[in-house]
Amino acid sequence: VKGRFTISRDNARNTVYLQMNSLKAEDTA
């Protein structure tokens, strides 16, 4: 997933995100 996915966090909202770009069929899960 390197170069396609980005993990980030918002400390004020106690939330972690996973931005997934250029998705492939193999990412199905």
PDB file of all heavy atoms in Angstrom:
ATOM      1  N   VAL A   1       0.808  -1.223   0.000  1.00  0.00           N
ATOM      2  CA  VAL A   1       0.000   0.000   0.000  1.00  0.00           C
ATOM      3  C   VAL A   1       0.837   1.266   0.000  1.00  0.00           C
ATOM      4  O   VAL A   1       0.269   2.368  -0.079  1.00  0.00           O
ATOM      5  CB  VAL A   1      -0.989   0.036   1.184  1.00  0.00           C
ATOM      6  CG1 VAL A   1      -1.837  -1.226   1.213  1.00  0.00           C
ATOM      7  CG2 VAL A   1      -0.248   0.224   2.505  1.00  0.00           C
ATOM      8  N   LYS A   2       2.149   1.165   0.070  1.00  0.00           N
ATOM      9  CA  LYS A   2       3.011   2.346   0.083  1.00  0.00           C
ATOM     10  C   LYS A   2       2.791   3.184  -1.175  1.00  0.00           C
ATOM     11  O   LYS A   2       2.743   2.661  -2.280  1.00  0.00           O
ATOM     12  CB  LYS A   2       4.479   1.937   0.189  1.00  0.00           C
ATOM     13  CG  LYS A   2       4.886   1.448   1.562  1.00  0.00           C
ATOM     14  CD  LYS A   2       6.363   1.079   1.613  1.00  0.00           C
ATOM     15  CE  LYS A   2       6.769   0.627   2.998  1.00  0.00           C
ATOM     16  NZ  LYS A   2       8.195   0.210   3.050  1.00  0.00           N
ATOM     17  N   GLY A   3       2.661   4.490  -0.976  1.00  0.00           N
ATOM     18  CA  GLY A   3       2.412   5.394  -2.086  1.00  0.00           C
ATOM     19  C   GLY A   3       0.957   5.560  -2.439  1.00  0.00           C
ATOM     20  O   GLY A   3       0.612   6.460  -3.218  1.00  0.00           O
ATOM     21  N   ARG A   4       0.084   4.708  -1.894  1.00  0.00           N
ATOM     22  CA  ARG A   4      -1.345   4.780  -2.181  1.00  0.00           C
ATOM     23  C   ARG A   4      -2.180   5.118  -0.940  1.00  0.00           C
ATOM     24  O   ARG A   4      -3.181   5.823  -1.040  1.00  0.00           O
ATOM     25  CB  ARG A   4      -1.854   3.461  -2.773  1.00  0.00           C
ATOM     26  CG  ARG A   4      -1.180   3.081  -4.081  1.00  0.00           C
ATOM     27  CD  ARG A   4      -1.876   1.882  -4.730  1.00  0.00           C
ATOM     28  NE  ARG A   4      -1.792   0.682  -3.885  1.00  0.00           N
ATOM     29  CZ  ARG A   4      -2.840   0.031  -3.416  1.00  0.00           C
ATOM     30  NH1 ARG A   4      -4.078   0.453  -3.689  1.00  0.00           N
ATOM     31  NH2 ARG A   4      -2.677  -1.059  -2.672  1.00  0.00           N
ATOM     32  N   PHE A   5      -1.784   4.600   0.224  1.00  0.00           N
ATOM     33  CA  PHE A   5      -2.529   4.806   1.467  1.00  0.00           C
ATOM     34  C   PHE A   5      -1.767   5.762   2.381  1.00  0.00           C
ATOM     35  O   PHE A   5      -0.530   5.770   2.403  1.00  0.00           O
ATOM     36  CB  PHE A   5      -2.727   3.489   2.216  1.00  0.00           C
ATOM     37  CG  PHE A   5      -3.661   2.512   1.564  1.00  0.00           C
ATOM     38  CD1 PHE A   5      -4.126   2.693   0.269  1.00  0.00           C
ATOM     39  CD2 PHE A   5      -4.074   1.390   2.266  1.00  0.00           C
ATOM     40  CE1 PHE A   5      -4.984   1.778  -0.327  1.00  0.00           C
ATOM     41  CE2 PHE A   5      -4.933   0.467   1.691  1.00  0.00           C
ATOM     42  CZ  PHE A   5      -5.384   0.661   0.398  1.00  0.00           C
ATOM     43  N   THR A   6      -2.509   6.553   3.164  1.00  0.00           N
ATOM     44  CA  THR A   6      -1.916   7.454   4.139  1.00  0.00           C
ATOM     45  C   THR A   6      -2.674   7.359   5.455  1.00  0.00           C
ATOM     46  O   THR A   6      -3.892   7.529   5.481  1.00  0.00           O
ATOM     47  CB  THR A   6      -1.937   8.913   3.649  1.00  0.00           C
ATOM     48  OG1 THR A   6      -1.251   9.022   2.405  1.00  0.00           O
ATOM     49  CG2 THR A   6      -1.257   9.824   4.672  1.00  0.00           C
ATOM     50  N   ILE A   7      -1.961   7.092   6.552  1.00  0.00           N
ATOM     51  CA  ILE A   7      -2.564   7.084   7.877  1.00  0.00           C
ATOM     52  C   ILE A   7      -2.293   8.425   8.548  1.00  0.00           C
ATOM     53  O   ILE A   7      -1.201   8.980   8.427  1.00  0.00           O
ATOM     54  CB  ILE A   7      -2.038   5.909   8.732  1.00  0.00           C
ATOM     55  CG1 ILE A   7      -2.835   5.797  10.037  1.00  0.00           C
ATOM     56  CG2 ILE A   7      -0.552   6.020   8.996  1.00  0.00           C
ATOM     57  CD1 ILE A   7      -2.543   4.517  10.816  1.00  0.00           C
ATOM     58  N   SER A   8      -3.285   8.954   9.242  1.00  0.00           N
ATOM     59  CA  SER A   8      -3.145  10.224   9.933  1.00  0.00           C
ATOM     60  C   SER A   8      -4.028  10.226  11.173  1.00  0.00           C
ATOM     61  O   SER A   8      -4.816   9.299  11.384  1.00  0.00           O
ATOM     62  CB  SER A   8      -3.507  11.401   9.013  1.00  0.00           C
ATOM     63  OG  SER A   8      -4.861  11.316   8.599  1.00  0.00           O
ATOM     64  N   ARG A   9      -3.904  11.257  12.000  1.00  0.00           N
ATOM     65  CA  ARG A   9      -4.703  11.337  13.218  1.00  0.00           C
ATOM     66  C   ARG A   9      -5.133  12.761  13.478  1.00  0.00           C
ATOM     67  O   ARG A   9      -4.490  13.726  13.064  1.00  0.00           O
ATOM     68  CB  ARG A   9      -3.905  10.793  14.408  1.00  0.00           C
ATOM     69  CG  ARG A   9      -2.743  11.685  14.829  1.00  0.00           C
ATOM     70  CD  ARG A   9      -1.873  11.035  15.873  1.00  0.00           C
ATOM     71  NE  ARG A   9      -0.871  11.970  16.368  1.00  0.00           N
ATOM     72  CZ  ARG A   9       0.275  11.635  16.911  1.00  0.00           C
ATOM     73  NH1 ARG A   9       0.580  10.346  17.052  1.00  0.00           N
ATOM     74  NH2 ARG A   9       1.117  12.560  17.324  1.00  0.00           N
ATOM     75  N   ASP A  10      -6.264  12.891  14.183  1.00  0.00           N
ATOM     76  CA  ASP A  10      -6.773  14.168  14.664  1.00  0.00           C
ATOM     77  C   ASP A  10      -6.905  14.018  16.171  1.00  0.00           C
ATOM     78  O   ASP A  10      -7.869  13.427  16.664  1.00  0.00           O
ATOM     79  CB  ASP A  10      -8.111  14.503  14.015  1.00  0.00           C
ATOM     80  CG  ASP A  10      -8.622  15.880  14.395  1.00  0.00           C
ATOM     81  OD1 ASP A  10      -8.244  16.399  15.466  1.00  0.00           O
ATOM     82  OD2 ASP A  10      -9.412  16.451  13.617  1.00  0.00           O
ATOM     83  N   ASN A  11      -5.926  14.541  16.910  1.00  0.00           N
ATOM     84  CA  ASN A  11      -5.905  14.356  18.357  1.00  0.00           C
ATOM     85  C   ASN A  11      -7.119  14.990  19.043  1.00  0.00           C
ATOM     86  O   ASN A  11      -7.620  14.453  20.031  1.00  0.00           O
ATOM     87  CB  ASN A  11      -4.620  14.930  18.944  1.00  0.00           C
ATOM     88  CG  ASN A  11      -3.383  14.202  18.476  1.00  0.00           C
ATOM     89  OD1 ASN A  11      -3.433  13.012  18.145  1.00  0.00           O
ATOM     90  ND2 ASN A  11      -2.255  14.906  18.439  1.00  0.00           N
ATOM     91  N   ALA A  12      -7.591  16.126  18.530  1.00  0.00           N
ATOM     92  CA  ALA A  12      -8.724  16.811  19.136  1.00  0.00           C
ATOM     93  C   ALA A  12     -10.001  15.996  19.030  1.00  0.00           C
ATOM     94  O   ALA A  12     -10.895  16.123  19.872  1.00  0.00           O
ATOM     95  CB  ALA A  12      -8.920  18.181  18.502  1.00  0.00           C
ATOM     96  N   ARG A  13     -10.113  15.170  17.992  1.00  0.00           N
ATOM     97  CA  ARG A  13     -11.306  14.352  17.781  1.00  0.00           C
ATOM     98  C   ARG A  13     -11.085  12.898  18.173  1.00  0.00           C
ATOM     99  O   ARG A  13     -11.984  12.075  17.999  1.00  0.00           O
ATOM    100  CB  ARG A  13     -11.745  14.434  16.319  1.00  0.00           C
ATOM    101  CG  ARG A  13     -12.055  15.853  15.861  1.00  0.00           C
ATOM    102  CD  ARG A  13     -12.570  15.893  14.440  1.00  0.00           C
ATOM    103  NE  ARG A  13     -13.896  15.295  14.339  1.00  0.00           N
ATOM    104  CZ  ARG A  13     -14.620  15.290  13.228  1.00  0.00           C
ATOM    105  NH1 ARG A  13     -14.145  15.854  12.124  1.00  0.00           N
ATOM    106  NH2 ARG A  13     -15.811  14.721  13.218  1.00  0.00           N
ATOM    107  N   ASN A  14      -9.908  12.573  18.704  1.00  0.00           N
ATOM    108  CA  ASN A  14      -9.576  11.204  19.111  1.00  0.00           C
ATOM    109  C   ASN A  14      -9.839  10.213  17.976  1.00  0.00           C
ATOM    110  O   ASN A  14     -10.391   9.127  18.195  1.00  0.00           O
ATOM    111  CB  ASN A  14     -10.353  10.800  20.366  1.00  0.00           C
ATOM    112  CG  ASN A  14      -9.947  11.594  21.582  1.00  0.00           C
ATOM    113  OD1 ASN A  14      -8.771  11.912  21.769  1.00  0.00           O
ATOM    114  ND2 ASN A  14     -10.922  11.914  22.428  1.00  0.00           N
ATOM    115  N   THR A  15      -9.414  10.587  16.777  1.00  0.00           N
ATOM    116  CA  THR A  15      -9.733   9.810  15.586  1.00  0.00           C
ATOM    117  C   THR A  15      -8.487   9.590  14.736  1.00  0.00           C
ATOM    118  O   THR A  15      -7.670  10.499  14.567  1.00  0.00           O
ATOM    119  CB  THR A  15     -10.808  10.512  14.748  1.00  0.00           C
ATOM    120  OG1 THR A  15     -11.997  10.660  15.532  1.00  0.00           O
ATOM    121  CG2 THR A  15     -11.147   9.710  13.497  1.00  0.00           C
ATOM    122  N   VAL A  16      -8.354   8.379  14.208  1.00  0.00           N
ATOM    123  CA  VAL A  16      -7.315   8.021  13.252  1.00  0.00           C
ATOM    124  C   VAL A  16      -7.983   7.732  11.916  1.00  0.00           C
ATOM    125  O   VAL A  16      -9.055   7.118  11.869  1.00  0.00           O
ATOM    126  CB  VAL A  16      -6.505   6.807  13.742  1.00  0.00           C
ATOM    127  CG1 VAL A  16      -5.560   6.308  12.653  1.00  0.00           C
ATOM    128  CG2 VAL A  16      -5.710   7.180  14.985  1.00  0.00           C
ATOM    129  N   TYR A  17      -7.349   8.163  10.828  1.00  0.00           N
ATOM    130  CA  TYR A  17      -7.893   7.999   9.492  1.00  0.00           C
ATOM    131  C   TYR A  17      -6.970   7.149   8.630  1.00  0.00           C
ATOM    132  O   TYR A  17      -5.762   7.076   8.854  1.00  0.00           O
ATOM    133  CB  TYR A  17      -8.063   9.362   8.808  1.00  0.00           C
ATOM    134  CG  TYR A  17      -8.939  10.323   9.559  1.00  0.00           C
ATOM    135  CD1 TYR A  17      -8.386  11.289  10.396  1.00  0.00           C
ATOM    136  CD2 TYR A  17     -10.319  10.276   9.437  1.00  0.00           C
ATOM    137  CE1 TYR A  17      -9.186  12.179  11.086  1.00  0.00           C
ATOM    138  CE2 TYR A  17     -11.128  11.162  10.129  1.00  0.00           C
ATOM    139  CZ  TYR A  17     -10.558  12.113  10.951  1.00  0.00           C
ATOM    140  OH  TYR A  17     -11.351  12.992  11.640  1.00  0.00           O
ATOM    141  N   LEU A  18      -7.562   6.518   7.625  1.00  0.00           N
ATOM    142  CA  LEU A  18      -6.801   5.842   6.588  1.00  0.00           C
ATOM    143  C   LEU A  18      -7.334   6.312   5.244  1.00  0.00           C
ATOM    144  O   LEU A  18      -8.438   5.924   4.847  1.00  0.00           O
ATOM    145  CB  LEU A  18      -6.902   4.320   6.697  1.00  0.00           C
ATOM    146  CG  LEU A  18      -6.049   3.540   5.697  1.00  0.00           C
ATOM    147  CD1 LEU A  18      -4.563   3.729   6.000  1.00  0.00           C
ATOM    148  CD2 LEU A  18      -6.404   2.055   5.708  1.00  0.00           C
ATOM    149  N   GLN A  19      -6.573   7.170   4.561  1.00  0.00           N
ATOM    150  CA  GLN A  19      -6.931   7.626   3.228  1.00  0.00           C
ATOM    151  C   GLN A  19      -6.408   6.615   2.221  1.00  0.00           C
ATOM    152  O   GLN A  19      -5.205   6.355   2.169  1.00  0.00           O
ATOM    153  CB  GLN A  19      -6.333   9.008   2.948  1.00  0.00           C
ATOM    154  CG  GLN A  19      -6.644   9.559   1.560  1.00  0.00           C
ATOM    155  CD  GLN A  19      -8.105   9.859   1.369  1.00  0.00           C
ATOM    156  OE1 GLN A  19      -8.741  10.450   2.236  1.00  0.00           O
ATOM    157  NE2 GLN A  19      -8.645   9.446   0.230  1.00  0.00           N
ATOM    158  N   MET A  20      -7.297   6.053   1.420  1.00  0.00           N
ATOM    159  CA  MET A  20      -6.953   5.010   0.466  1.00  0.00           C
ATOM    160  C   MET A  20      -7.213   5.530  -0.941  1.00  0.00           C
ATOM    161  O   MET A  20      -8.361   5.800  -1.307  1.00  0.00           O
ATOM    162  CB  MET A  20      -7.763   3.736   0.723  1.00  0.00           C
ATOM    163  CG  MET A  20      -7.625   3.209   2.151  1.00  0.00           C
ATOM    164  SD  MET A  20      -8.477   1.620   2.393  1.00  0.00           S
ATOM    165  CE  MET A  20     -10.182   2.152   2.180  1.00  0.00           C
ATOM    166  N   ASN A  21      -6.145   5.678  -1.729  1.00  0.00           N
ATOM    167  CA  ASN A  21      -6.235   6.151  -3.107  1.00  0.00           C
ATOM    168  C   ASN A  21      -5.790   5.057  -4.065  1.00  0.00           C
ATOM    169  O   ASN A  21      -5.130   4.097  -3.680  1.00  0.00           O
ATOM    170  CB  ASN A  21      -5.363   7.397  -3.304  1.00  0.00           C
ATOM    171  CG  ASN A  21      -5.785   8.566  -2.457  1.00  0.00           C
ATOM    172  OD1 ASN A  21      -6.970   8.764  -2.191  1.00  0.00           O
ATOM    173  ND2 ASN A  21      -4.814   9.371  -2.034  1.00  0.00           N
ATOM    174  N   SER A  22      -6.137   5.224  -5.335  1.00  0.00           N
ATOM    175  CA  SER A  22      -5.758   4.265  -6.381  1.00  0.00           C
ATOM    176  C   SER A  22      -6.085   2.841  -5.966  1.00  0.00           C
ATOM    177  O   SER A  22      -5.261   1.928  -6.082  1.00  0.00           O
ATOM    178  CB  SER A  22      -4.266   4.410  -6.709  1.00  0.00           C
ATOM    179  OG  SER A  22      -3.963   5.718  -7.143  1.00  0.00           O
ATOM    180  N   LEU A  23      -7.296   2.635  -5.494  1.00  0.00           N
ATOM    181  CA  LEU A  23      -7.690   1.336  -4.967  1.00  0.00           C
ATOM    182  C   LEU A  23      -7.688   0.264  -6.052  1.00  0.00           C
ATOM    183  O   LEU A  23      -8.029   0.522  -7.213  1.00  0.00           O
ATOM    184  CB  LEU A  23      -9.059   1.425  -4.312  1.00  0.00           C
ATOM    185  CG  LEU A  23      -9.053   2.067  -2.921  1.00  0.00           C
ATOM    186  CD1 LEU A  23     -10.453   2.505  -2.526  1.00  0.00           C
ATOM    187  CD2 LEU A  23      -8.489   1.087  -1.893  1.00  0.00           C
ATOM    188  N   LYS A  24      -7.300  -0.935  -5.642  1.00  0.00           N
ATOM    189  CA  LYS A  24      -7.243  -2.095  -6.517  1.00  0.00           C
ATOM    190  C   LYS A  24      -8.195  -3.167  -6.004  1.00  0.00           C
ATOM    191  O   LYS A  24      -8.557  -3.174  -4.822  1.00  0.00           O
ATOM    192  CB  LYS A  24      -5.817  -2.665  -6.569  1.00  0.00           C
ATOM    193  CG  LYS A  24      -4.743  -1.675  -6.955  1.00  0.00           C
ATOM    194  CD  LYS A  24      -3.363  -2.314  -6.831  1.00  0.00           C
ATOM    195  CE  LYS A  24      -2.264  -1.340  -7.191  1.00  0.00           C
ATOM    196  NZ  LYS A  24      -0.918  -1.950  -7.036  1.00  0.00           N
ATOM    197  N   ALA A  25      -8.558  -4.096  -6.869  1.00  0.00           N
ATOM    198  CA  ALA A  25      -9.413  -5.200  -6.454  1.00  0.00           C
ATOM    199  C   ALA A  25      -8.777  -5.988  -5.312  1.00  0.00           C
ATOM    200  O   ALA A  25      -9.481  -6.509  -4.442  1.00  0.00           O
ATOM    201  CB  ALA A  25      -9.698  -6.121  -7.633  1.00  0.00           C
ATOM    202  N   GLU A  26      -7.442  -6.046  -5.289  1.00  0.00           N
ATOM    203  CA  GLU A  26      -6.717  -6.771  -4.260  1.00  0.00           C
ATOM    204  C   GLU A  26      -6.842  -6.127  -2.881  1.00  0.00           C
ATOM    205  O   GLU A  26      -6.480  -6.746  -1.879  1.00  0.00           O
ATOM    206  CB  GLU A  26      -5.239  -6.888  -4.636  1.00  0.00           C
ATOM    207  CG  GLU A  26      -4.964  -7.736  -5.872  1.00  0.00           C
ATOM    208  CD  GLU A  26      -5.300  -7.029  -7.179  1.00  0.00           C
ATOM    209  OE1 GLU A  26      -5.261  -5.782  -7.214  1.00  0.00           O
ATOM    210  OE2 GLU A  26      -5.604  -7.727  -8.162  1.00  0.00           O
ATOM    211  N   ASP A  27      -7.333  -4.885  -2.818  1.00  0.00           N
ATOM    212  CA  ASP A  27      -7.545  -4.208  -1.537  1.00  0.00           C
ATOM    213  C   ASP A  27      -8.853  -4.616  -0.874  1.00  0.00           C
ATOM    214  O   ASP A  27      -9.112  -4.216   0.267  1.00  0.00           O
ATOM    215  CB  ASP A  27      -7.523  -2.693  -1.720  1.00  0.00           C
ATOM    216  CG  ASP A  27      -6.182  -2.178  -2.200  1.00  0.00           C
ATOM    217  OD1 ASP A  27      -5.145  -2.640  -1.684  1.00  0.00           O
ATOM    218  OD2 ASP A  27      -6.170  -1.308  -3.099  1.00  0.00           O
ATOM    219  N   THR A  28      -9.689  -5.378  -1.557  1.00  0.00           N
ATOM    220  CA  THR A  28     -10.963  -5.817  -1.005  1.00  0.00           C
ATOM    221  C   THR A  28     -10.728  -6.650   0.251  1.00  0.00           C
ATOM    222  O   THR A  28     -10.004  -7.642   0.221  1.00  0.00           O
ATOM    223  CB  THR A  28     -11.755  -6.626  -2.031  1.00  0.00           C
ATOM    224  OG1 THR A  28     -12.093  -5.785  -3.136  1.00  0.00           O
ATOM    225  CG2 THR A  28     -13.028  -7.191  -1.421  1.00  0.00           C
ATOM    226  N   ALA A  29     -11.332  -6.234   1.366  1.00  0.00           N
ATOM    227  CA  ALA A  29     -11.135  -6.909   2.644  1.00  0.00           C
ATOM    228  C   ALA A  29     -12.008  -6.233   3.696  1.00  0.00           C
ATOM    229  O   ALA A  29     -12.575  -5.168   3.462  1.00  0.00           O
ATOM    230  CB  ALA A  29      -9.665  -6.849   3.074  1.00  0.00           C
TER     231      ALA A  29
END
